[in-house]
PDB file of N, CA and C in Angstrom:
ATOM      1  N   UNK A   1      23.213  -3.715  -1.695  1.00  0.00           N
ATOM      2  CA  UNK A   1      24.429  -2.855  -2.215  1.00  0.00           C
ATOM      3  C   UNK A   1      25.723  -3.629  -2.094  1.00  0.00           C
ATOM      4  N   UNK A   2      26.590  -3.414  -3.300  1.00  0.00           N
ATOM      5  CA  UNK A   2      27.739  -4.127  -3.279  1.00  0.00           C
ATOM      6  C   UNK A   2      28.913  -2.983  -2.681  1.00  0.00           C
ATOM      7  N   UNK A   3      29.551  -3.688  -1.905  1.00  0.00           N
ATOM      8  CA  UNK A   3      30.497  -2.725  -1.157  1.00  0.00           C
ATOM      9  C   UNK A   3      31.743  -2.437  -2.003  1.00  0.00           C
ATOM     10  N   UNK A   4      32.049  -3.043  -3.152  1.00  0.00           N
ATOM     11  CA  UNK A   4      32.967  -2.796  -3.956  1.00  0.00           C
ATOM     12  C   UNK A   4      32.501  -1.832  -5.257  1.00  0.00           C
ATOM     13  N   UNK A   5      31.282  -1.692  -5.621  1.00  0.00           N
ATOM     14  CA  UNK A   5      30.732  -1.056  -6.576  1.00  0.00           C
ATOM     15  C   UNK A   5      29.318  -0.384  -6.039  1.00  0.00           C
ATOM     16  N   UNK A   6      29.415   0.436  -5.179  1.00  0.00           N
ATOM     17  CA  UNK A   6      28.089   1.067  -4.605  1.00  0.00           C
ATOM     18  C   UNK A   6      27.294   1.736  -5.652  1.00  0.00           C
ATOM     19  N   UNK A   7      26.063   1.810  -5.605  1.00  0.00           N
ATOM     20  CA  UNK A   7      25.323   2.504  -6.573  1.00  0.00           C
ATOM     21  C   UNK A   7      25.267   4.024  -6.454  1.00  0.00           C
ATOM     22  N   UNK A   8      25.456   4.696  -7.433  1.00  0.00           N
ATOM     23  CA  UNK A   8      25.493   6.216  -7.439  1.00  0.00           C
ATOM     24  C   UNK A   8      23.937   6.807  -7.739  1.00  0.00           C
ATOM     25  N   UNK A   9      23.091   5.637  -8.067  1.00  0.00           N
ATOM     26  CA  UNK A   9      21.953   6.155  -8.593  1.00  0.00           C
ATOM     27  C   UNK A   9      20.878   4.767  -8.482  1.00  0.00           C
ATOM     28  N   UNK A  10      19.830   4.785  -8.034  1.00  0.00           N
ATOM     29  CA  UNK A  10      18.877   3.639  -7.947  1.00  0.00           C
ATOM     30  C   UNK A  10      17.417   4.149  -8.045  1.00  0.00           C
ATOM     31  N   UNK A  11      16.796   3.309  -9.148  1.00  0.00           N
ATOM     32  CA  UNK A  11      15.275   3.610  -9.155  1.00  0.00           C
ATOM     33  C   UNK A  11      14.639   2.006  -9.077  1.00  0.00           C
ATOM     34  N   UNK A  12      13.682   2.224  -8.201  1.00  0.00           N
ATOM     35  CA  UNK A  12      12.897   0.917  -7.934  1.00  0.00           C
ATOM     36  C   UNK A  12      11.605   0.913  -8.413  1.00  0.00           C
ATOM     37  N   UNK A  13      11.084  -0.110  -9.303  1.00  0.00           N
ATOM     38  CA  UNK A  13       9.689  -0.250  -9.752  1.00  0.00           C
ATOM     39  C   UNK A  13       9.144  -1.479  -9.205  1.00  0.00           C
ATOM     40  N   UNK A  14       7.934  -1.442  -8.480  1.00  0.00           N
ATOM     41  CA  UNK A  14       7.256  -2.458  -8.006  1.00  0.00           C
ATOM     42  C   UNK A  14       6.016  -2.879  -8.828  1.00  0.00           C
ATOM     43  N   UNK A  15       6.091  -4.141  -9.090  1.00  0.00           N
ATOM     44  CA  UNK A  15       4.858  -4.485 -10.233  1.00  0.00           C
ATOM     45  C   UNK A  15       4.465  -5.851  -9.756  1.00  0.00           C
ATOM     46  N   UNK A  16       3.284  -5.793  -8.687  1.00  0.00           N
ATOM     47  CA  UNK A  16       2.953  -7.189  -8.393  1.00  0.00           C
ATOM     48  C   UNK A  16       4.149  -7.946  -7.503  1.00  0.00           C
ATOM     49  N   UNK A  17       4.195  -9.175  -7.986  1.00  0.00           N
ATOM     50  CA  UNK A  17       5.160 -10.076  -6.987  1.00  0.00           C
ATOM     51  C   UNK A  17       6.591  -9.786  -7.799  1.00  0.00           C
ATOM     52  N   UNK A  18       6.859  -8.828  -8.660  1.00  0.00           N
ATOM     53  CA  UNK A  18       8.047  -8.474  -9.063  1.00  0.00           C
ATOM     54  C   UNK A  18       8.528  -7.137  -8.765  1.00  0.00           C
ATOM     55  N   UNK A  19       9.748  -7.032  -8.428  1.00  0.00           N
ATOM     56  CA  UNK A  19      10.364  -5.655  -8.313  1.00  0.00           C
ATOM     57  C   UNK A  19      11.613  -5.612  -9.286  1.00  0.00           C
ATOM     58  N   UNK A  20      11.863  -4.276  -9.827  1.00  0.00           N
ATOM     59  CA  UNK A  20      12.759  -4.269 -10.658  1.00  0.00           C
ATOM     60  C   UNK A  20      13.708  -3.035 -10.061  1.00  0.00           C
ATOM     61  N   UNK A  21      14.926  -3.183 -10.073  1.00  0.00           N
ATOM     62  CA  UNK A  21      15.941  -2.382  -9.637  1.00  0.00           C
ATOM     63  C   UNK A  21      16.811  -1.957 -10.703  1.00  0.00           C
ATOM     64  N   UNK A  22      16.765  -0.548 -10.875  1.00  0.00           N
ATOM     65  CA  UNK A  22      17.800   0.028 -11.999  1.00  0.00           C
ATOM     66  C   UNK A  22      18.740   0.738 -11.258  1.00  0.00           C
ATOM     67  N   UNK A  23      20.182   0.199 -11.169  1.00  0.00           N
ATOM     68  CA  UNK A  23      21.162   0.751 -10.478  1.00  0.00           C
ATOM     69  C   UNK A  23      22.354   1.270 -11.402  1.00  0.00           C
ATOM     70  N   UNK A  24      22.741   2.456 -11.112  1.00  0.00           N
ATOM     71  CA  UNK A  24      24.025   2.909 -11.813  1.00  0.00           C
ATOM     72  C   UNK A  24      25.058   2.836 -10.980  1.00  0.00           C
ATOM     73  N   UNK A  25      26.226   2.256 -11.380  1.00  0.00           N
ATOM     74  CA  UNK A  25      27.364   1.927 -10.555  1.00  0.00           C
ATOM     75  C   UNK A  25      28.622   2.370 -11.423  1.00  0.00           C
ATOM     76  N   UNK A  26      29.795   2.776 -10.766  1.00  0.00           N
ATOM     77  CA  UNK A  26      31.018   2.907 -11.588  1.00  0.00           C
ATOM     78  C   UNK A  26      31.616   1.573 -11.648  1.00  0.00           C
ATOM     79  N   UNK A  27      32.329   1.514 -12.905  1.00  0.00           N
ATOM     80  CA  UNK A  27      33.292   0.174 -12.836  1.00  0.00           C
ATOM     81  C   UNK A  27      34.556   0.362 -11.825  1.00  0.00           C
ATOM     82  N   UNK A  28      35.075  -0.767 -11.738  1.00  0.00           N
ATOM     83  CA  UNK A  28      36.022  -0.764 -10.633  1.00  0.00           C
ATOM     84  C   UNK A  28      37.337  -0.198 -11.186  1.00  0.00           C
ATOM     85  N   UNK A  29      37.753  -0.375 -12.347  1.00  0.00           N
ATOM     86  CA  UNK A  29      38.986   0.105 -12.784  1.00  0.00           C
ATOM     87  C   UNK A  29      38.961   1.631 -13.545  1.00  0.00           C
ATOM     88  N   UNK A  30      37.958   1.855 -14.336  1.00  0.00           N
ATOM     89  CA  UNK A  30      37.895   3.165 -14.934  1.00  0.00           C
ATOM     90  C   UNK A  30      36.718   4.111 -14.343  1.00  0.00           C
ATOM     91  N   UNK A  31      35.991   3.733 -13.438  1.00  0.00           N
ATOM     92  CA  UNK A  31      35.061   4.540 -12.842  1.00  0.00           C
ATOM     93  C   UNK A  31      34.028   5.193 -13.754  1.00  0.00           C
ATOM     94  N   UNK A  32      33.836   4.577 -15.092  1.00  0.00           N
ATOM     95  CA  UNK A  32      32.824   4.755 -16.183  1.00  0.00           C
ATOM     96  C   UNK A  32      31.786   4.151 -15.400  1.00  0.00           C
ATOM     97  N   UNK A  33      30.493   4.646 -15.792  1.00  0.00           N
ATOM     98  CA  UNK A  33      29.106   4.157 -15.218  1.00  0.00           C
ATOM     99  C   UNK A  33      28.613   3.143 -16.057  1.00  0.00           C
ATOM    100  N   UNK A  34      28.091   2.269 -15.357  1.00  0.00           N
ATOM    101  CA  UNK A  34      27.263   1.346 -16.047  1.00  0.00           C
ATOM    102  C   UNK A  34      25.810   0.917 -15.302  1.00  0.00           C
ATOM    103  N   UNK A  35      25.058   0.063 -15.892  1.00  0.00           N
ATOM    104  CA  UNK A  35      23.777   0.075 -15.426  1.00  0.00           C
ATOM    105  C   UNK A  35      23.449  -1.373 -15.079  1.00  0.00           C
ATOM    106  N   UNK A  36      22.883  -1.866 -14.057  1.00  0.00           N
ATOM    107  CA  UNK A  36      22.283  -3.056 -13.690  1.00  0.00           C
ATOM    108  C   UNK A  36      21.040  -3.144 -13.496  1.00  0.00           C
ATOM    109  N   UNK A  37      20.277  -3.978 -14.137  1.00  0.00           N
ATOM    110  CA  UNK A  37      18.892  -4.170 -14.144  1.00  0.00           C
ATOM    111  C   UNK A  37      18.593  -5.559 -13.466  1.00  0.00           C
ATOM    112  N   UNK A  38      17.941  -5.459 -12.322  1.00  0.00           N
ATOM    113  CA  UNK A  38      17.600  -6.518 -11.584  1.00  0.00           C
ATOM    114  C   UNK A  38      16.326  -6.915 -11.416  1.00  0.00           C
ATOM    115  N   UNK A  39      15.772  -8.072 -11.675  1.00  0.00           N
ATOM    116  CA  UNK A  39      14.533  -8.501 -11.477  1.00  0.00           C
ATOM    117  C   UNK A  39      14.212  -9.466 -10.290  1.00  0.00           C
ATOM    118  N   UNK A  40      13.548  -9.116  -9.299  1.00  0.00           N
ATOM    119  CA  UNK A  40      13.397  -9.917  -8.135  1.00  0.00           C
ATOM    120  C   UNK A  40      11.827 -10.439  -8.160  1.00  0.00           C
ATOM    121  N   UNK A  41      11.775 -11.707  -8.148  1.00  0.00           N
ATOM    122  CA  UNK A  41      10.341 -12.309  -8.309  1.00  0.00           C
ATOM    123  C   UNK A  41      10.203 -12.990  -6.901  1.00  0.00           C
ATOM    124  N   UNK A  42       9.205 -12.865  -6.265  1.00  0.00           N
ATOM    125  CA  UNK A  42       8.865 -13.503  -5.021  1.00  0.00           C
ATOM    126  C   UNK A  42       7.650 -14.458  -5.198  1.00  0.00           C
ATOM    127  N   UNK A  43       7.616 -15.465  -4.478  1.00  0.00           N
ATOM    128  CA  UNK A  43       6.509 -16.353  -4.154  1.00  0.00           C
ATOM    129  C   UNK A  43       6.449 -16.553  -2.829  1.00  0.00           C
ATOM    130  N   UNK A  44       5.453 -17.381  -2.302  1.00  0.00           N
ATOM    131  CA  UNK A  44       5.291 -17.578  -0.917  1.00  0.00           C
ATOM    132  C   UNK A  44       6.572 -18.166  -0.161  1.00  0.00           C
ATOM    133  N   UNK A  45       7.393 -19.010  -0.829  1.00  0.00           N
ATOM    134  CA  UNK A  45       8.499 -19.441  -0.187  1.00  0.00           C
ATOM    135  C   UNK A  45       9.926 -18.999  -0.444  1.00  0.00           C
ATOM    136  N   UNK A  46      10.087 -18.557  -1.726  1.00  0.00           N
ATOM    137  CA  UNK A  46      11.366 -18.148  -2.118  1.00  0.00           C
ATOM    138  C   UNK A  46      11.347 -16.904  -3.008  1.00  0.00           C
ATOM    139  N   UNK A  47      12.546 -16.492  -3.227  1.00  0.00           N
ATOM    140  CA  UNK A  47      12.542 -15.330  -4.284  1.00  0.00           C
ATOM    141  C   UNK A  47      13.869 -15.712  -5.097  1.00  0.00           C
ATOM    142  N   UNK A  48      13.585 -15.055  -6.619  1.00  0.00           N
ATOM    143  CA  UNK A  48      14.596 -15.265  -7.352  1.00  0.00           C
ATOM    144  C   UNK A  48      15.136 -13.919  -7.921  1.00  0.00           C
ATOM    145  N   UNK A  49      16.411 -13.901  -8.297  1.00  0.00           N
ATOM    146  CA  UNK A  49      16.960 -12.619  -8.964  1.00  0.00           C
ATOM    147  C   UNK A  49      17.692 -12.956 -10.207  1.00  0.00           C
ATOM    148  N   UNK A  50      17.215 -12.012 -11.179  1.00  0.00           N
ATOM    149  CA  UNK A  50      17.987 -11.969 -12.489  1.00  0.00           C
ATOM    150  C   UNK A  50      18.484 -10.765 -12.796  1.00  0.00           C
ATOM    151  N   UNK A  51      19.715 -10.722 -13.313  1.00  0.00           N
ATOM    152  CA  UNK A  51      20.184  -9.368 -13.636  1.00  0.00           C
ATOM    153  C   UNK A  51      20.972  -9.308 -14.989  1.00  0.00           C
ATOM    154  N   UNK A  52      20.794  -7.999 -15.632  1.00  0.00           N
ATOM    155  CA  UNK A  52      21.464  -7.784 -16.883  1.00  0.00           C
ATOM    156  C   UNK A  52      22.489  -6.512 -16.365  1.00  0.00           C
ATOM    157  N   UNK A  53      23.533  -6.651 -16.871  1.00  0.00           N
ATOM    158  CA  UNK A  53      24.579  -5.645 -16.956  1.00  0.00           C
ATOM    159  C   UNK A  53      24.699  -4.977 -18.350  1.00  0.00           C
ATOM    160  N   UNK A  54      24.458  -3.646 -18.214  1.00  0.00           N
ATOM    161  CA  UNK A  54      24.494  -2.847 -19.371  1.00  0.00           C
ATOM    162  C   UNK A  54      25.705  -1.736 -19.549  1.00  0.00           C
ATOM    163  N   UNK A  55      26.604  -1.826 -20.322  1.00  0.00           N
ATOM    164  CA  UNK A  55      27.817  -0.909 -20.377  1.00  0.00           C
ATOM    165  C   UNK A  55      27.544   0.166 -21.313  1.00  0.00           C
ATOM    166  N   UNK A  56      28.260   1.186 -21.020  1.00  0.00           N
ATOM    167  CA  UNK A  56      27.909   2.660 -21.906  1.00  0.00           C
ATOM    168  C   UNK A  56      27.932   2.512 -23.283  1.00  0.00           C
ATOM    169  N   UNK A  57      28.905   1.556 -23.934  1.00  0.00           N
ATOM    170  CA  UNK A  57      28.748   1.427 -25.477  1.00  0.00           C
ATOM    171  C   UNK A  57      27.565   0.727 -25.957  1.00  0.00           C
ATOM    172  N   UNK A  58      26.833   0.214 -25.212  1.00  0.00           N
ATOM    173  CA  UNK A  58      25.526  -0.442 -25.518  1.00  0.00           C
ATOM    174  C   UNK A  58      24.291   0.219 -25.017  1.00  0.00           C
ATOM    175  N   UNK A  59      24.266   1.269 -24.438  1.00  0.00           N
ATOM    176  CA  UNK A  59      23.062   2.015 -23.922  1.00  0.00           C
ATOM    177  C   UNK A  59      22.265   2.407 -25.051  1.00  0.00           C
ATOM    178  N   UNK A  60      22.709   2.894 -26.017  1.00  0.00           N
ATOM    179  CA  UNK A  60      21.914   3.531 -27.260  1.00  0.00           C
ATOM    180  C   UNK A  60      21.191   2.181 -27.830  1.00  0.00           C
ATOM    181  N   UNK A  61      21.875   1.237 -28.193  1.00  0.00           N
ATOM    182  CA  UNK A  61      21.365   0.120 -28.838  1.00  0.00           C
ATOM    183  C   UNK A  61      20.171  -0.565 -27.908  1.00  0.00           C
ATOM    184  N   UNK A  62      20.787  -0.765 -26.774  1.00  0.00           N
ATOM    185  CA  UNK A  62      19.513  -1.303 -25.820  1.00  0.00           C
ATOM    186  C   UNK A  62      18.406  -0.467 -25.771  1.00  0.00           C
ATOM    187  N   UNK A  63      18.416   0.875 -25.491  1.00  0.00           N
ATOM    188  CA  UNK A  63      17.405   1.704 -25.358  1.00  0.00           C
ATOM    189  C   UNK A  63      16.503   1.607 -26.711  1.00  0.00           C
ATOM    190  N   UNK A  64      16.922   1.772 -27.772  1.00  0.00           N
ATOM    191  CA  UNK A  64      16.318   1.558 -29.122  1.00  0.00           C
ATOM    192  C   UNK A  64      15.572   0.420 -29.304  1.00  0.00           C
ATOM    193  N   UNK A  65      16.370  -0.756 -28.854  1.00  0.00           N
ATOM    194  CA  UNK A  65      15.618  -2.242 -29.116  1.00  0.00           C
ATOM    195  C   UNK A  65      14.433  -2.177 -27.801  1.00  0.00           C
ATOM    196  N   UNK A  66      14.627  -1.529 -26.876  1.00  0.00           N
ATOM    197  CA  UNK A  66      13.721  -1.573 -25.787  1.00  0.00           C
ATOM    198  C   UNK A  66      12.436  -0.793 -26.127  1.00  0.00           C
ATOM    199  N   UNK A  67      12.664   0.482 -26.733  1.00  0.00           N
ATOM    200  CA  UNK A  67      11.493   1.154 -27.141  1.00  0.00           C
ATOM    201  C   UNK A  67      10.654   0.569 -28.336  1.00  0.00           C
ATOM    202  N   UNK A  68      11.499   0.084 -29.285  1.00  0.00           N
ATOM    203  CA  UNK A  68      10.905  -0.546 -30.476  1.00  0.00           C
ATOM    204  C   UNK A  68      10.035  -1.788 -29.954  1.00  0.00           C
ATOM    205  N   UNK A  69      10.454  -2.576 -29.032  1.00  0.00           N
ATOM    206  CA  UNK A  69       9.778  -3.703 -28.688  1.00  0.00           C
ATOM    207  C   UNK A  69       8.553  -3.391 -27.780  1.00  0.00           C
ATOM    208  N   UNK A  70       8.608  -2.276 -26.955  1.00  0.00           N
ATOM    209  CA  UNK A  70       7.485  -1.838 -26.364  1.00  0.00           C
ATOM    210  C   UNK A  70       6.476  -1.226 -27.155  1.00  0.00           C
ATOM    211  N   UNK A  71       6.816  -0.302 -28.297  1.00  0.00           N
ATOM    212  CA  UNK A  71       5.867  -0.020 -29.200  1.00  0.00           C
ATOM    213  C   UNK A  71       5.107  -1.076 -29.890  1.00  0.00           C
ATOM    214  N   UNK A  72       5.928  -2.106 -30.352  1.00  0.00           N
ATOM    215  CA  UNK A  72       5.423  -3.268 -30.977  1.00  0.00           C
ATOM    216  C   UNK A  72       4.126  -3.951 -30.111  1.00  0.00           C
ATOM    217  N   UNK A  73       4.676  -4.325 -28.911  1.00  0.00           N
ATOM    218  CA  UNK A  73       3.864  -4.952 -27.814  1.00  0.00           C
ATOM    219  C   UNK A  73       2.519  -4.097 -27.639  1.00  0.00           C
ATOM    220  N   UNK A  74       2.483  -2.714 -27.510  1.00  0.00           N
ATOM    221  CA  UNK A  74       1.626  -1.892 -27.203  1.00  0.00           C
ATOM    222  C   UNK A  74       0.597  -1.982 -28.387  1.00  0.00           C
ATOM    223  N   UNK A  75       1.041  -1.745 -29.527  1.00  0.00           N
ATOM    224  CA  UNK A  75       0.232  -1.585 -30.889  1.00  0.00           C
ATOM    225  C   UNK A  75      -0.418  -2.950 -31.085  1.00  0.00           C
ATOM    226  N   UNK A  76       0.298  -4.258 -30.986  1.00  0.00           N
ATOM    227  CA  UNK A  76      -0.169  -5.490 -31.244  1.00  0.00           C
ATOM    228  C   UNK A  76      -1.247  -5.873 -29.957  1.00  0.00           C
ATOM    229  N   UNK A  77      -0.947  -5.531 -28.830  1.00  0.00           N
ATOM    230  CA  UNK A  77      -1.731  -5.740 -27.527  1.00  0.00           C
ATOM    231  C   UNK A  77      -3.228  -5.059 -27.995  1.00  0.00           C
ATOM    232  N   UNK A  78      -3.182  -3.861 -28.456  1.00  0.00           N
ATOM    233  CA  UNK A  78      -4.331  -3.153 -28.787  1.00  0.00           C
ATOM    234  C   UNK A  78      -5.015  -3.735 -29.868  1.00  0.00           C
ATOM    235  N   UNK A  79      -4.464  -4.260 -30.948  1.00  0.00           N
ATOM    236  CA  UNK A  79      -5.047  -4.850 -32.128  1.00  0.00           C
ATOM    237  C   UNK A  79      -5.648  -6.155 -31.535  1.00  0.00           C
ATOM    238  N   UNK A  80      -4.929  -7.009 -30.920  1.00  0.00           N
ATOM    239  CA  UNK A  80      -5.648  -8.153 -30.241  1.00  0.00           C
ATOM    240  C   UNK A  80      -6.756  -8.136 -29.571  1.00  0.00           C
ATOM    241  N   UNK A  81      -6.696  -6.906 -28.708  1.00  0.00           N
ATOM    242  CA  UNK A  81      -7.888  -6.699 -27.653  1.00  0.00           C
ATOM    243  C   UNK A  81      -9.269  -6.250 -28.733  1.00  0.00           C
ATOM    244  N   UNK A  82      -9.036  -5.550 -29.814  1.00  0.00           N
ATOM    245  CA  UNK A  82     -10.059  -5.281 -30.662  1.00  0.00           C
ATOM    246  C   UNK A  82     -10.613  -6.506 -31.383  1.00  0.00           C
ATOM    247  N   UNK A  83      -9.758  -7.523 -31.832  1.00  0.00           N
ATOM    248  CA  UNK A  83     -10.090  -8.628 -32.385  1.00  0.00           C
ATOM    249  C   UNK A  83     -10.839  -9.643 -31.568  1.00  0.00           C
ATOM    250  N   UNK A  84     -10.500  -9.465 -30.265  1.00  0.00           N
ATOM    251  CA  UNK A  84     -10.978 -10.689 -29.259  1.00  0.00           C
ATOM    252  C   UNK A  84     -12.525 -10.554 -28.844  1.00  0.00           C
TER     253      UNK A  84
END
């Protein structure tokens, strides 16, 4: 938790050695909300974190691109499974 920008909402998704954190935080100056998406990868010795900052003006574009990418992957994964 960041003492300067505390989360107002958090969702955690555990996926094997990866954990994803979806945090909603207020900006310092305007208190508008933004999202951080953090991926934490663990192995036996260390862990790595990768973070994406997503601001309100980009929410719709990001969501649209994510949905389109997921649908493409699902469709093509099922087609590849049938041809294998």
